[in-house]
Amino acid sequence: MKRTFPILTSALARNADSATMDRGRLFYPWLFLAIGLTLGIVPATAIRGMSASIADDRKTVAALDVEYQAAVKINDASTMGRMLADDFVLVTGSGKTYTKADMIKDAQGGGTNYERNDEDVQAVRVWGNTAVVTAKLWEKGMTNGRSFDRRFWFSDTYVRTPAGWKYVFGQSSLPLPNSAQ
């Protein structure tokens, strides 16, 4: 089956005289060059835009995780509740699990008083609508009359939702030995 391109065929038919044909020959290479440049530039611009977006997402999630740790430090249940997904789960190095309700209840009860709850060595990785923060945390304070001073690694997973980034899952290591702190 012979394939025809009506617009191109019609343009060539209109340009039948030699003077017009010469102009047509000059026009078509420029048209193809313009189309080729456009097809090359648009994807490059889109990739550059994605990189800026990933960088922005990293900054946003990094700041959110620091904000979350600051809220924990002062037992700010309202901020924690806003940032945690409804189906949030934290798994500690000892195997204990905590839900959003557990975290909010603990903050509201004020049974833990933090002197420190500070991140160190933070790294954020973003894959589309998912981001993972990995950092070392230093916790120091009192809970139920007992003091604690520990450092451990954690990974916090955030997911982009229509309401913004939500903290959906956390996992922490066992406390690090004193020599590794």
Protein backbone atom coordinates (compact mmCIF):
# COMPACT_ATOMS: atom_id res chain seq x y z
CA MET A 1 0.00 0.00 0.00
CA LYS A 2 1.39 3.36 -1.03
CA ARG A 3 1.42 5.94 1.73
CA THR A 4 0.76 9.57 0.85
CA PHE A 5 1.16 12.73 2.84
CA PRO A 6 -1.56 15.10 1.58
CA ILE A 7 -0.09 18.30 3.00
CA LEU A 8 3.37 17.61 1.60
CA THR A 9 1.97 16.40 -1.77
CA SER A 10 -0.26 19.44 -2.06
CA ALA A 11 2.60 21.81 -1.22
CA LEU A 12 4.84 20.20 -3.85
CA ALA A 13 2.06 20.41 -6.44
CA ARG A 14 1.60 24.14 -5.80
CA ASN A 15 5.33 24.67 -6.16
CA ALA A 16 5.61 23.15 -9.60
CA ASP A 17 7.45 26.00 -11.33
CA SER A 18 11.23 25.91 -10.93
CA ALA A 19 11.59 29.22 -9.07
CA THR A 20 9.09 28.15 -6.44
CA MET A 21 10.60 24.66 -6.33
CA ASP A 22 14.02 26.15 -5.51
CA ARG A 23 12.51 28.06 -2.58
CA GLY A 24 10.77 24.87 -1.47
CA ARG A 25 14.05 22.95 -1.48
CA LEU A 26 15.57 25.63 0.73
CA PHE A 27 12.58 25.64 3.07
CA TYR A 28 12.32 21.91 3.79
CA PRO A 29 15.83 21.41 5.22
CA TRP A 30 15.24 24.33 7.61
CA LEU A 31 11.90 22.85 8.62
CA PHE A 32 13.50 19.49 9.38
CA LEU A 33 16.33 21.20 11.28
CA ALA A 34 13.80 23.18 13.36
CA ILE A 35 11.79 20.05 14.14
CA GLY A 36 14.96 18.12 15.02
CA LEU A 37 16.18 20.86 17.35
CA THR A 38 12.77 21.05 19.02
CA LEU A 39 12.68 17.29 19.56
CA GLY A 40 16.17 17.45 21.06
CA ILE A 41 15.64 20.50 23.26
CA VAL A 42 12.27 19.58 24.77
CA PRO A 43 13.46 16.30 26.36
CA ALA A 44 16.66 17.95 27.61
CA THR A 45 14.61 20.72 29.23
CA ALA A 46 12.23 18.19 30.76
CA ILE A 47 15.13 16.23 32.25
CA ARG A 48 16.66 19.41 33.66
CA GLY A 49 13.25 20.30 35.13
CA MET A 50 12.98 16.86 36.73
CA SER A 51 16.40 17.30 38.33
CA ALA A 52 15.34 20.60 39.84
CA SER A 53 12.17 18.96 41.10
CA ILE A 54 14.08 16.08 42.69
CA ALA A 55 16.43 18.55 44.35
CA ASP A 56 13.44 20.52 45.63
CA ASP A 57 11.81 17.32 46.90
CA ARG A 58 15.02 16.37 48.72
CA LYS A 59 15.16 19.76 50.44
CA THR A 60 11.47 19.62 51.34
CA VAL A 61 11.62 16.11 52.80
CA ALA A 62 14.89 16.82 54.64
CA ALA A 63 13.30 19.86 56.27
CA LEU A 64 10.16 17.88 57.12
CA ASP A 65 12.18 15.18 58.85
CA VAL A 66 14.10 17.76 60.89
CA GLU A 67 10.76 19.40 61.76
CA TYR A 68 9.35 16.03 62.82
CA GLN A 69 12.32 15.31 65.12
CA ALA A 70 11.96 18.81 66.64
CA ALA A 71 8.25 18.11 67.27
CA VAL A 72 9.13 14.82 69.01
CA LYS A 73 11.70 16.65 71.14
CA ILE A 74 9.07 19.01 72.58
CA ASN A 75 6.19 16.47 72.56
CA ASP A 76 4.28 18.51 69.94
CA ALA A 77 1.50 15.99 69.23
CA SER A 78 -0.30 18.37 66.86
CA THR A 79 2.67 18.72 64.48
CA MET A 80 3.42 15.01 64.71
CA GLY A 81 -0.21 14.19 63.90
CA ARG A 82 -0.17 16.47 60.87
CA MET A 83 2.99 14.88 59.49
CA LEU A 84 2.28 11.20 60.18
CA ALA A 85 0.17 9.17 57.75
CA ASP A 86 -2.88 7.54 59.29
CA ASP A 87 -1.39 4.08 58.70
CA PHE A 88 2.08 5.07 59.96
CA VAL A 89 4.27 2.37 61.54
CA LEU A 90 7.62 2.64 63.33
CA VAL A 91 9.70 -0.51 63.83
CA THR A 92 12.54 -0.24 66.35
CA GLY A 93 15.76 -2.22 66.40
CA SER A 94 14.38 -4.31 69.27
CA GLY A 95 11.38 -5.29 67.15
CA LYS A 96 8.76 -3.14 68.90
CA THR A 97 6.24 -1.42 66.63
CA TYR A 98 4.41 1.86 67.13
CA THR A 99 1.45 3.31 65.23
CA LYS A 100 0.46 6.92 64.71
CA ALA A 101 -1.92 6.62 67.67
CA ASP A 102 0.92 5.28 69.86
CA MET A 103 3.22 8.16 68.90
CA ILE A 104 0.55 10.81 69.49
CA LYS A 105 -0.48 9.27 72.83
CA ASP A 106 3.15 9.20 74.00
CA ALA A 107 3.65 12.86 73.05
CA GLN A 108 0.40 13.94 74.71
CA GLY A 109 1.28 12.03 77.89
CA GLY A 110 4.60 13.82 78.17
CA GLY A 111 6.21 10.76 79.78
CA THR A 112 9.39 11.34 77.79
CA ASN A 113 11.36 14.57 78.15
CA TYR A 114 14.10 15.12 75.61
CA GLU A 115 17.26 17.11 76.15
CA ARG A 116 18.37 16.11 72.64
CA ASN A 117 16.63 14.60 69.63
CA ASP A 118 18.96 15.70 66.86
CA GLU A 119 19.76 14.27 63.43
CA ASP A 120 23.29 13.95 62.13
CA VAL A 121 24.65 12.79 58.76
CA GLN A 122 21.28 13.05 56.99
CA ALA A 123 20.81 11.76 53.43
CA VAL A 124 17.59 11.97 51.42
CA ARG A 125 16.83 9.86 48.36
CA VAL A 126 13.80 10.48 46.14
CA TRP A 127 12.11 8.09 43.73
CA GLY A 128 9.07 9.77 42.21
CA ASN A 129 6.48 10.10 44.97
CA THR A 130 8.56 8.26 47.58
CA ALA A 131 11.46 9.59 49.62
CA VAL A 132 13.67 7.93 52.22
CA VAL A 133 15.62 9.84 54.84
CA THR A 134 18.56 8.02 56.40
CA ALA A 135 20.26 9.66 59.35
CA LYS A 136 21.91 9.11 62.67
CA LEU A 137 19.86 10.34 65.63
CA TRP A 138 21.08 11.34 69.07
CA GLU A 139 18.41 11.02 71.74
CA LYS A 140 19.07 12.09 75.30
CA GLY A 141 16.54 12.61 78.07
CA MET A 142 14.29 10.94 80.62
CA THR A 143 11.39 8.55 80.25
CA ASN A 144 9.38 7.21 83.16
CA GLY A 145 12.07 8.41 85.58
CA ARG A 146 14.91 6.68 83.72
CA SER A 147 17.57 8.57 81.80
CA PHE A 148 18.71 7.59 78.33
CA ASP A 149 21.51 8.74 76.05
CA ARG A 150 21.73 6.82 72.79
CA ARG A 151 22.55 7.18 69.15
CA PHE A 152 21.16 5.02 66.37
CA TRP A 153 20.59 4.96 62.64
CA PHE A 154 17.12 5.27 61.20
CA SER A 155 15.34 5.36 57.87
CA ASP A 156 12.13 7.36 57.52
CA THR A 157 9.96 6.84 54.45
CA TYR A 158 7.79 9.67 53.13
CA VAL A 159 5.15 9.46 50.39
CA ARG A 160 3.79 12.38 48.37
CA THR A 161 0.00 12.64 48.82
CA PRO A 162 -2.55 15.22 47.63
CA ALA A 163 -2.09 16.82 51.08
CA GLY A 164 1.72 16.94 50.70
CA TRP A 165 4.50 14.66 51.93
CA LYS A 166 3.48 12.26 54.72
CA TYR A 167 5.74 10.22 56.98
CA VAL A 168 4.51 6.64 56.45
CA PHE A 169 7.16 4.29 57.83
CA GLY A 170 10.16 4.46 60.13
CA GLN A 171 12.74 1.91 61.08
CA SER A 172 15.56 2.35 63.59
CA SER A 173 18.63 0.35 64.47
CA LEU A 174 19.51 -0.87 67.92
CA PRO A 175 21.40 1.79 69.91
CA LEU A 176 24.96 2.05 68.62
CA PRO A 177 27.79 0.94 70.88
CA ASN A 178 29.65 3.85 72.50
CA SER A 179 32.67 3.34 70.23
CA ALA A 180 30.52 3.79 67.08
CA GLN A 181 28.92 7.03 68.22
